[in-house]
């Protein structure tokens, strides 16, 4: 897959979400307070998604490592680490 297609596949959903949020905020919310709450909620969801996405990789990697190691080797590793501290 070419880099242009990959870039387009990422940019189009972001732009689509921006347009949908803008359209809803302009057409539905005529009060400034309600508009701020809606746009802030969308921003909050976006921030949580951006900060949470790397954690998915970390958790899946740790689960993979835990599945490969036995409990005995994990306890031994902790014992070795605690003795060097």
Protein backbone atom coordinates (compact mmCIF):
# COMPACT_ATOMS: atom_id res chain seq x y z
CA UNK A 1 0.00 0.00 0.00
CA UNK A 2 1.42 3.37 -0.97
CA UNK A 3 2.12 6.11 1.58
CA UNK A 4 -0.46 8.40 -0.03
CA UNK A 5 -3.22 5.84 0.50
CA UNK A 6 -2.19 5.29 4.11
CA UNK A 7 -2.15 9.03 4.75
CA UNK A 8 -5.54 9.44 3.11
CA UNK A 9 -6.94 6.57 5.19
CA UNK A 10 -5.91 8.42 8.36
CA UNK A 11 -6.78 11.98 7.32
CA UNK A 12 -10.27 11.36 5.91
CA UNK A 13 -11.83 10.02 9.17
CA UNK A 14 -10.29 12.91 11.13
CA UNK A 15 -11.65 15.49 8.70
CA UNK A 16 -15.01 13.72 8.63
CA UNK A 17 -15.23 13.84 12.43
CA UNK A 18 -14.31 17.55 12.38
CA UNK A 19 -17.01 18.31 9.78
CA UNK A 20 -19.65 16.31 11.66
CA UNK A 21 -18.79 18.03 14.95
CA UNK A 22 -18.89 21.45 13.29
CA UNK A 23 -22.18 20.76 11.54
CA UNK A 24 -23.87 19.50 14.69
CA UNK A 25 -22.58 22.41 16.76
CA UNK A 26 -23.73 24.99 14.21
CA UNK A 27 -27.10 23.46 13.35
CA UNK A 28 -28.24 22.08 16.70
CA UNK A 29 -26.74 24.20 19.46
CA UNK A 30 -27.74 27.84 19.39
CA UNK A 31 -26.80 28.48 23.02
CA UNK A 32 -23.10 29.17 23.69
CA UNK A 33 -23.06 27.11 26.90
CA UNK A 34 -24.50 23.99 25.23
CA UNK A 35 -22.16 24.43 22.28
CA UNK A 36 -19.14 24.59 24.60
CA UNK A 37 -20.25 21.44 26.42
CA UNK A 38 -20.70 19.52 23.16
CA UNK A 39 -17.39 20.55 21.62
CA UNK A 40 -15.61 19.97 24.94
CA UNK A 41 -17.10 16.48 25.20
CA UNK A 42 -15.91 15.62 21.70
CA UNK A 43 -12.46 16.96 22.56
CA UNK A 44 -12.40 14.94 25.78
CA UNK A 45 -13.24 11.73 23.91
CA UNK A 46 -10.50 12.48 21.37
CA UNK A 47 -7.93 13.09 24.12
CA UNK A 48 -8.82 9.89 25.95
CA UNK A 49 -8.55 7.94 22.69
CA UNK A 50 -5.15 9.44 21.88
CA UNK A 51 -3.71 8.82 25.34
CA UNK A 52 -5.27 5.38 25.64
CA UNK A 53 -4.22 3.92 22.32
CA UNK A 54 -0.53 3.38 23.23
CA UNK A 55 -1.62 1.65 26.45
CA UNK A 56 -3.40 -1.01 24.42
CA UNK A 57 -0.07 -2.02 22.89
CA UNK A 58 1.64 -2.08 26.28
CA UNK A 59 -1.05 -4.23 27.87
CA UNK A 60 -1.19 -6.68 24.96
CA UNK A 61 2.61 -7.00 25.03
CA UNK A 62 2.61 -7.65 28.77
CA UNK A 63 -0.13 -10.26 28.41
CA UNK A 64 1.89 -11.97 25.69
CA UNK A 65 4.96 -12.03 27.92
CA UNK A 66 2.97 -13.34 30.87
CA UNK A 67 1.51 -16.12 28.77
CA UNK A 68 5.00 -17.23 27.73
CA UNK A 69 6.54 -17.21 31.18
CA UNK A 70 5.63 -19.45 34.05
CA UNK A 71 4.81 -18.19 37.49
CA UNK A 72 8.05 -19.65 38.78
CA UNK A 73 10.19 -17.66 36.35
CA UNK A 74 8.30 -14.45 37.17
CA UNK A 75 8.86 -14.99 40.90
CA UNK A 76 12.54 -15.73 40.25
CA UNK A 77 12.89 -12.54 38.18
CA UNK A 78 11.31 -10.50 40.98
CA UNK A 79 13.64 -12.15 43.50
CA UNK A 80 16.70 -11.26 41.41
CA UNK A 81 15.54 -7.68 40.89
CA UNK A 82 14.75 -7.18 44.58
CA UNK A 83 18.18 -8.46 45.60
CA UNK A 84 19.93 -5.92 43.38
CA UNK A 85 17.93 -2.96 44.66
